[in-house]
Amino acid sequence: MPKKKDSVVYNLMKDGKKVYTGVTNDPKRRASEHKCSGKDFDKMVVDSNPMTKKSAHKKEVEAVKKYEKSKGDKPKYNKYY
């Protein structure tokens, strides 16, 4: 049986700048959770086609590391990687 491809990588943006990169299988719910937790962002951008959770997590880690390498720090709300 093929693995479920229901996860996407997304970015939270504030004034055109990335403030968080994450993975979810429900972007609308996840955006609401971020708002409730106090994250300050003005839009969520889905950055991938649906993929397995494992593949999405790998892409998320790579995206955060790439951002950190180019900007000198992680996106504002990313704590790990």
PDB file of N, CA and C in Angstrom:
ATOM      1  N   MET A   1       0.843  -1.183   0.000  1.00  0.00           N
ATOM      2  CA  MET A   1       0.000   0.000   0.000  1.00  0.00           C
ATOM      3  C   MET A   1       0.892   1.251   0.000  1.00  0.00           C
ATOM      4  N   PRO A   2       0.644   2.196  -0.914  1.00  0.00           N
ATOM      5  CA  PRO A   2       1.457   3.419  -0.962  1.00  0.00           C
ATOM      6  C   PRO A   2       1.255   4.268   0.286  1.00  0.00           C
ATOM      7  N   LYS A   3       2.306   5.008   0.643  1.00  0.00           N
ATOM      8  CA  LYS A   3       2.215   5.889   1.807  1.00  0.00           C
ATOM      9  C   LYS A   3       1.326   7.080   1.485  1.00  0.00           C
ATOM     10  N   LYS A   4       0.639   7.549   2.502  1.00  0.00           N
ATOM     11  CA  LYS A   4      -0.301   8.657   2.358  1.00  0.00           C
ATOM     12  C   LYS A   4       0.449   9.957   2.065  1.00  0.00           C
ATOM     13  N   LYS A   5       0.046  10.644   1.010  1.00  0.00           N
ATOM     14  CA  LYS A   5       0.640  11.924   0.635  1.00  0.00           C
ATOM     15  C   LYS A   5      -0.355  13.030   0.974  1.00  0.00           C
ATOM     16  N   ASP A   6      -0.338  13.430   2.246  1.00  0.00           N
ATOM     17  CA  ASP A   6      -1.308  14.431   2.682  1.00  0.00           C
ATOM     18  C   ASP A   6      -0.666  15.615   3.406  1.00  0.00           C
ATOM     19  N   SER A   7       0.655  15.663   3.461  1.00  0.00           N
ATOM     20  CA  SER A   7       1.342  16.739   4.180  1.00  0.00           C
ATOM     21  C   SER A   7       1.942  17.747   3.208  1.00  0.00           C
ATOM     22  N   VAL A   8       1.920  19.008   3.620  1.00  0.00           N
ATOM     23  CA  VAL A   8       2.520  20.074   2.807  1.00  0.00           C
ATOM     24  C   VAL A   8       3.467  20.898   3.681  1.00  0.00           C
ATOM     25  N   VAL A   9       4.436  21.519   3.033  1.00  0.00           N
ATOM     26  CA  VAL A   9       5.319  22.477   3.690  1.00  0.00           C
ATOM     27  C   VAL A   9       4.704  23.854   3.465  1.00  0.00           C
ATOM     28  N   TYR A  10       4.733  24.684   4.500  1.00  0.00           N
ATOM     29  CA  TYR A  10       4.149  26.025   4.375  1.00  0.00           C
ATOM     30  C   TYR A  10       5.059  27.044   5.037  1.00  0.00           C
ATOM     31  N   ASN A  11       4.870  28.289   4.645  1.00  0.00           N
ATOM     32  CA  ASN A  11       5.597  29.409   5.241  1.00  0.00           C
ATOM     33  C   ASN A  11       4.591  30.416   5.777  1.00  0.00           C
ATOM     34  N   LEU A  12       4.863  30.935   6.962  1.00  0.00           N
ATOM     35  CA  LEU A  12       4.109  32.066   7.482  1.00  0.00           C
ATOM     36  C   LEU A  12       4.896  33.308   7.107  1.00  0.00           C
ATOM     37  N   MET A  13       4.193  34.312   6.583  1.00  0.00           N
ATOM     38  CA  MET A  13       4.830  35.528   6.101  1.00  0.00           C
ATOM     39  C   MET A  13       4.302  36.738   6.866  1.00  0.00           C
ATOM     40  N   LYS A  14       5.193  37.694   7.091  1.00  0.00           N
ATOM     41  CA  LYS A  14       4.814  38.975   7.698  1.00  0.00           C
ATOM     42  C   LYS A  14       5.510  40.069   6.912  1.00  0.00           C
ATOM     43  N   ASP A  15       4.735  40.946   6.291  1.00  0.00           N
ATOM     44  CA  ASP A  15       5.276  42.039   5.478  1.00  0.00           C
ATOM     45  C   ASP A  15       6.259  41.525   4.424  1.00  0.00           C
ATOM     46  N   GLY A  16       5.913  40.391   3.804  1.00  0.00           N
ATOM     47  CA  GLY A  16       6.725  39.828   2.736  1.00  0.00           C
ATOM     48  C   GLY A  16       7.943  39.048   3.190  1.00  0.00           C
ATOM     49  N   LYS A  17       8.129  38.904   4.498  1.00  0.00           N
ATOM     50  CA  LYS A  17       9.284  38.172   5.027  1.00  0.00           C
ATOM     51  C   LYS A  17       8.818  36.880   5.695  1.00  0.00           C
ATOM     52  N   LYS A  18       9.595  35.831   5.504  1.00  0.00           N
ATOM     53  CA  LYS A  18       9.279  34.550   6.116  1.00  0.00           C
ATOM     54  C   LYS A  18       9.554  34.610   7.615  1.00  0.00           C
ATOM     55  N   VAL A  19       8.547  34.214   8.421  1.00  0.00           N
ATOM     56  CA  VAL A  19       8.729  34.190   9.869  1.00  0.00           C
ATOM     57  C   VAL A  19       8.615  32.774  10.443  1.00  0.00           C
ATOM     58  N   TYR A  20       8.208  31.808   9.620  1.00  0.00           N
ATOM     59  CA  TYR A  20       8.096  30.426  10.092  1.00  0.00           C
ATOM     60  C   TYR A  20       7.938  29.502   8.897  1.00  0.00           C
ATOM     61  N   THR A  21       8.539  28.318   9.004  1.00  0.00           N
ATOM     62  CA  THR A  21       8.344  27.250   8.034  1.00  0.00           C
ATOM     63  C   THR A  21       7.888  26.027   8.800  1.00  0.00           C
ATOM     64  N   GLY A  22       6.861  25.353   8.296  1.00  0.00           N
ATOM     65  CA  GLY A  22       6.344  24.176   8.991  1.00  0.00           C
ATOM     66  C   GLY A  22       5.715  23.174   8.051  1.00  0.00           C
ATOM     67  N   VAL A  23       5.166  22.108   8.643  1.00  0.00           N
ATOM     68  CA  VAL A  23       4.517  21.017   7.912  1.00  0.00           C
ATOM     69  C   VAL A  23       3.138  20.799   8.520  1.00  0.00           C
ATOM     70  N   THR A  24       2.165  20.549   7.675  1.00  0.00           N
ATOM     71  CA  THR A  24       0.819  20.229   8.161  1.00  0.00           C
ATOM     72  C   THR A  24       0.059  19.408   7.128  1.00  0.00           C
ATOM     73  N   ASN A  25      -1.003  18.757   7.599  1.00  0.00           N
ATOM     74  CA  ASN A  25      -1.931  18.098   6.680  1.00  0.00           C
ATOM     75  C   ASN A  25      -3.258  18.852   6.647  1.00  0.00           C
ATOM     76  N   ASP A  26      -3.297  20.012   7.333  1.00  0.00           N
ATOM     77  CA  ASP A  26      -4.509  20.834   7.367  1.00  0.00           C
ATOM     78  C   ASP A  26      -4.109  22.311   7.535  1.00  0.00           C
ATOM     79  N   PRO A  27      -3.765  22.985   6.435  1.00  0.00           N
ATOM     80  CA  PRO A  27      -3.279  24.364   6.533  1.00  0.00           C
ATOM     81  C   PRO A  27      -4.229  25.329   7.243  1.00  0.00           C
ATOM     82  N   LYS A  28      -5.515  25.219   7.012  1.00  0.00           N
ATOM     83  CA  LYS A  28      -6.465  26.139   7.642  1.00  0.00           C
ATOM     84  C   LYS A  28      -6.441  25.986   9.169  1.00  0.00           C
ATOM     85  N   ARG A  29      -6.480  24.748   9.638  1.00  0.00           N
ATOM     86  CA  ARG A  29      -6.428  24.495  11.074  1.00  0.00           C
ATOM     87  C   ARG A  29      -5.108  24.983  11.657  1.00  0.00           C
ATOM     88  N   ARG A  30      -4.017  24.704  10.960  1.00  0.00           N
ATOM     89  CA  ARG A  30      -2.693  25.072  11.473  1.00  0.00           C
ATOM     90  C   ARG A  30      -2.529  26.591  11.547  1.00  0.00           C
ATOM     91  N   ALA A  31      -3.036  27.310  10.557  1.00  0.00           N
ATOM     92  CA  ALA A  31      -2.970  28.781  10.588  1.00  0.00           C
ATOM     93  C   ALA A  31      -3.720  29.307  11.804  1.00  0.00           C
ATOM     94  N   SER A  32      -4.877  28.733  12.082  1.00  0.00           N
ATOM     95  CA  SER A  32      -5.658  29.133  13.240  1.00  0.00           C
ATOM     96  C   SER A  32      -4.895  28.861  14.536  1.00  0.00           C
ATOM     97  N   GLU A  33      -4.244  27.710  14.626  1.00  0.00           N
ATOM     98  CA  GLU A  33      -3.445  27.385  15.814  1.00  0.00           C
ATOM     99  C   GLU A  33      -2.303  28.386  16.002  1.00  0.00           C
ATOM    100  N   HIS A  34      -1.644  28.755  14.914  1.00  0.00           N
ATOM    101  CA  HIS A  34      -0.555  29.732  15.008  1.00  0.00           C
ATOM    102  C   HIS A  34      -1.076  31.083  15.484  1.00  0.00           C
ATOM    103  N   LYS A  35      -2.206  31.526  14.954  1.00  0.00           N
ATOM    104  CA  LYS A  35      -2.798  32.799  15.388  1.00  0.00           C
ATOM    105  C   LYS A  35      -3.115  32.752  16.880  1.00  0.00           C
ATOM    106  N   CYS A  36      -3.720  31.650  17.320  1.00  0.00           N
ATOM    107  CA  CYS A  36      -4.091  31.513  18.737  1.00  0.00           C
ATOM    108  C   CYS A  36      -2.866  31.479  19.648  1.00  0.00           C
ATOM    109  N   SER A  37      -1.731  31.009  19.126  1.00  0.00           N
ATOM    110  CA  SER A  37      -0.515  30.936  19.950  1.00  0.00           C
ATOM    111  C   SER A  37       0.244  32.265  19.973  1.00  0.00           C
ATOM    112  N   GLY A  38      -0.245  33.245  19.191  1.00  0.00           N
ATOM    113  CA  GLY A  38       0.362  34.571  19.229  1.00  0.00           C
ATOM    114  C   GLY A  38       1.376  34.864  18.136  1.00  0.00           C
ATOM    115  N   LYS A  39       1.552  33.958  17.188  1.00  0.00           N
ATOM    116  CA  LYS A  39       2.478  34.248  16.095  1.00  0.00           C
ATOM    117  C   LYS A  39       1.913  35.383  15.238  1.00  0.00           C
ATOM    118  N   ASP A  40       2.761  36.332  14.925  1.00  0.00           N
ATOM    119  CA  ASP A  40       2.359  37.510  14.150  1.00  0.00           C
ATOM    120  C   ASP A  40       2.700  37.274  12.683  1.00  0.00           C
ATOM    121  N   PHE A  41       1.678  37.041  11.858  1.00  0.00           N
ATOM    122  CA  PHE A  41       1.869  36.837  10.420  1.00  0.00           C
ATOM    123  C   PHE A  41       0.647  37.342   9.692  1.00  0.00           C
ATOM    124  N   ASP A  42       0.828  37.687   8.411  1.00  0.00           N
ATOM    125  CA  ASP A  42      -0.315  38.174   7.647  1.00  0.00           C
ATOM    126  C   ASP A  42      -0.769  37.223   6.551  1.00  0.00           C
ATOM    127  N   LYS A  43       0.031  36.178   6.261  1.00  0.00           N
ATOM    128  CA  LYS A  43      -0.461  35.156   5.327  1.00  0.00           C
ATOM    129  C   LYS A  43       0.331  33.869   5.467  1.00  0.00           C
ATOM    130  N   MET A  44      -0.309  32.789   5.034  1.00  0.00           N
ATOM    131  CA  MET A  44       0.318  31.469   4.978  1.00  0.00           C
ATOM    132  C   MET A  44       0.439  31.093   3.512  1.00  0.00           C
ATOM    133  N   VAL A  45       1.620  30.659   3.114  1.00  0.00           N
ATOM    134  CA  VAL A  45       1.865  30.247   1.737  1.00  0.00           C
ATOM    135  C   VAL A  45       2.239  28.770   1.729  1.00  0.00           C
ATOM    136  N   VAL A  46       1.434  27.943   1.057  1.00  0.00           N
ATOM    137  CA  VAL A  46       1.765  26.530   0.917  1.00  0.00           C
ATOM    138  C   VAL A  46       2.862  26.427  -0.127  1.00  0.00           C
ATOM    139  N   ASP A  47       3.958  25.772   0.254  1.00  0.00           N
ATOM    140  CA  ASP A  47       5.182  25.771  -0.549  1.00  0.00           C
ATOM    141  C   ASP A  47       5.483  24.414  -1.173  1.00  0.00           C
ATOM    142  N   SER A  48       4.521  23.492  -1.177  1.00  0.00           N
ATOM    143  CA  SER A  48       4.787  22.182  -1.781  1.00  0.00           C
ATOM    144  C   SER A  48       3.489  21.529  -2.204  1.00  0.00           C
ATOM    145  N   ASN A  49       3.625  20.540  -3.061  1.00  0.00           N
ATOM    146  CA  ASN A  49       2.509  19.667  -3.378  1.00  0.00           C
ATOM    147  C   ASN A  49       2.389  18.674  -2.229  1.00  0.00           C
ATOM    148  N   PRO A  50       1.238  18.028  -2.073  1.00  0.00           N
ATOM    149  CA  PRO A  50       1.118  17.024  -1.016  1.00  0.00           C
ATOM    150  C   PRO A  50       2.183  15.937  -1.164  1.00  0.00           C
ATOM    151  N   MET A  51       2.745  15.545  -0.019  1.00  0.00           N
ATOM    152  CA  MET A  51       3.779  14.511   0.010  1.00  0.00           C
ATOM    153  C   MET A  51       3.655  13.756   1.319  1.00  0.00           C
ATOM    154  N   THR A  52       4.459  12.724   1.489  1.00  0.00           N
ATOM    155  CA  THR A  52       4.420  11.996   2.747  1.00  0.00           C
ATOM    156  C   THR A  52       4.925  12.905   3.864  1.00  0.00           C
ATOM    157  N   LYS A  53       4.517  12.590   5.079  1.00  0.00           N
ATOM    158  CA  LYS A  53       4.941  13.389   6.232  1.00  0.00           C
ATOM    159  C   LYS A  53       6.467  13.387   6.345  1.00  0.00           C
ATOM    160  N   LYS A  54       7.086  12.248   6.117  1.00  0.00           N
ATOM    161  CA  LYS A  54       8.546  12.132   6.196  1.00  0.00           C
ATOM    162  C   LYS A  54       9.229  13.022   5.154  1.00  0.00           C
ATOM    163  N   SER A  55       8.733  13.007   3.929  1.00  0.00           N
ATOM    164  CA  SER A  55       9.304  13.845   2.867  1.00  0.00           C
ATOM    165  C   SER A  55       9.092  15.325   3.161  1.00  0.00           C
ATOM    166  N   ALA A  56       7.921  15.668   3.692  1.00  0.00           N
ATOM    167  CA  ALA A  56       7.628  17.062   4.011  1.00  0.00           C
ATOM    168  C   ALA A  56       8.542  17.552   5.132  1.00  0.00           C
ATOM    169  N   HIS A  57       8.759  16.714   6.138  1.00  0.00           N
ATOM    170  CA  HIS A  57       9.640  17.096   7.246  1.00  0.00           C
ATOM    171  C   HIS A  57      11.064  17.333   6.736  1.00  0.00           C
ATOM    172  N   LYS A  58      11.525  16.474   5.853  1.00  0.00           N
ATOM    173  CA  LYS A  58      12.868  16.631   5.281  1.00  0.00           C
ATOM    174  C   LYS A  58      12.969  17.958   4.517  1.00  0.00           C
ATOM    175  N   LYS A  59      11.943  18.266   3.723  1.00  0.00           N
ATOM    176  CA  LYS A  59      11.935  19.520   2.972  1.00  0.00           C
ATOM    177  C   LYS A  59      11.885  20.725   3.911  1.00  0.00           C
ATOM    178  N   GLU A  60      11.130  20.614   5.002  1.00  0.00           N
ATOM    179  CA  GLU A  60      11.044  21.686   5.997  1.00  0.00           C
ATOM    180  C   GLU A  60      12.427  21.969   6.599  1.00  0.00           C
ATOM    181  N   VAL A  61      13.114  20.926   7.030  1.00  0.00           N
ATOM    182  CA  VAL A  61      14.443  21.084   7.628  1.00  0.00           C
ATOM    183  C   VAL A  61      15.399  21.738   6.633  1.00  0.00           C
ATOM    184  N   GLU A  62      15.377  21.279   5.392  1.00  0.00           N
ATOM    185  CA  GLU A  62      16.243  21.856   4.358  1.00  0.00           C
ATOM    186  C   GLU A  62      15.932  23.335   4.138  1.00  0.00           C
ATOM    187  N   ALA A  63      14.643  23.679   4.124  1.00  0.00           N
ATOM    188  CA  ALA A  63      14.242  25.077   3.902  1.00  0.00           C
ATOM    189  C   ALA A  63      14.712  25.979   5.034  1.00  0.00           C
ATOM    190  N   VAL A  64      14.595  25.509   6.275  1.00  0.00           N
ATOM    191  CA  VAL A  64      15.037  26.316   7.416  1.00  0.00           C
ATOM    192  C   VAL A  64      16.552  26.490   7.378  1.00  0.00           C
ATOM    193  N   LYS A  65      17.272  25.425   7.073  1.00  0.00           N
ATOM    194  CA  LYS A  65      18.742  25.516   6.993  1.00  0.00           C
ATOM    195  C   LYS A  65      19.181  26.447   5.866  1.00  0.00           C
ATOM    196  N   LYS A  66      18.497  26.381   4.726  1.00  0.00           N
ATOM    197  CA  LYS A  66      18.816  27.262   3.601  1.00  0.00           C
ATOM    198  C   LYS A  66      18.557  28.716   3.988  1.00  0.00           C
ATOM    199  N   TYR A  67      17.451  28.970   4.638  1.00  0.00           N
ATOM    200  CA  TYR A  67      17.122  30.326   5.091  1.00  0.00           C
ATOM    201  C   TYR A  67      18.204  30.831   6.045  1.00  0.00           C
ATOM    202  N   GLU A  68      18.559  29.989   7.004  1.00  0.00           N
ATOM    203  CA  GLU A  68      19.570  30.373   7.999  1.00  0.00           C
ATOM    204  C   GLU A  68      20.912  30.675   7.336  1.00  0.00           C
ATOM    205  N   LYS A  69      21.267  29.875   6.358  1.00  0.00           N
ATOM    206  CA  LYS A  69      22.541  30.097   5.657  1.00  0.00           C
ATOM    207  C   LYS A  69      22.538  31.430   4.909  1.00  0.00           C
ATOM    208  N   SER A  70      21.410  31.776   4.301  1.00  0.00           N
ATOM    209  CA  SER A  70      21.360  33.014   3.517  1.00  0.00           C
ATOM    210  C   SER A  70      21.119  34.259   4.368  1.00  0.00           C
ATOM    211  N   LYS A  71      20.419  34.110   5.498  1.00  0.00           N
ATOM    212  CA  LYS A  71      20.051  35.267   6.322  1.00  0.00           C
ATOM    213  C   LYS A  71      20.852  35.384   7.615  1.00  0.00           C
ATOM    214  N   GLY A  72      21.561  34.324   7.986  1.00  0.00           N
ATOM    215  CA  GLY A  72      22.346  34.361   9.211  1.00  0.00           C
ATOM    216  C   GLY A  72      21.582  33.966  10.457  1.00  0.00           C
ATOM    217  N   ASP A  73      20.312  33.651  10.321  1.00  0.00           N
ATOM    218  CA  ASP A  73      19.483  33.231  11.455  1.00  0.00           C
ATOM    219  C   ASP A  73      18.272  32.476  10.923  1.00  0.00           C
ATOM    220  N   LYS A  74      17.610  31.727  11.794  1.00  0.00           N
ATOM    221  CA  LYS A  74      16.396  31.006  11.409  1.00  0.00           C
ATOM    222  C   LYS A  74      15.232  31.995  11.289  1.00  0.00           C
ATOM    223  N   PRO A  75      14.155  31.590  10.598  1.00  0.00           N
ATOM    224  CA  PRO A  75      12.957  32.432  10.629  1.00  0.00           C
ATOM    225  C   PRO A  75      12.552  32.683  12.080  1.00  0.00           C
ATOM    226  N   LYS A  76      11.942  33.806  12.326  1.00  0.00           N
ATOM    227  CA  LYS A  76      11.634  34.293  13.677  1.00  0.00           C
ATOM    228  C   LYS A  76      11.073  33.235  14.628  1.00  0.00           C
ATOM    229  N   TYR A  77      10.131  32.429  14.162  1.00  0.00           N
ATOM    230  CA  TYR A  77       9.456  31.489  15.047  1.00  0.00           C
ATOM    231  C   TYR A  77       9.966  30.057  14.967  1.00  0.00           C
ATOM    232  N   ASN A  78      10.923  29.767  14.101  1.00  0.00           N
ATOM    233  CA  ASN A  78      11.499  28.432  14.050  1.00  0.00           C
ATOM    234  C   ASN A  78      12.558  28.309  15.143  1.00  0.00           C
ATOM    235  N   LYS A  79      12.424  27.316  15.993  1.00  0.00           N
ATOM    236  CA  LYS A  79      13.347  27.140  17.109  1.00  0.00           C
ATOM    237  C   LYS A  79      14.402  26.066  16.823  1.00  0.00           C
ATOM    238  N   TYR A  80      14.056  25.063  16.017  1.00  0.00           N
ATOM    239  CA  TYR A  80      14.904  23.897  15.834  1.00  0.00           C
ATOM    240  C   TYR A  80      15.483  23.819  14.440  1.00  0.00           C
ATOM    241  N   TYR A  81      16.379  22.894  14.231  1.00  0.00           N
ATOM    242  CA  TYR A  81      17.089  22.550  12.991  1.00  0.00           C
ATOM    243  C   TYR A  81      18.274  23.414  12.874  1.00  0.00           C
TER     244      TYR A  81
END
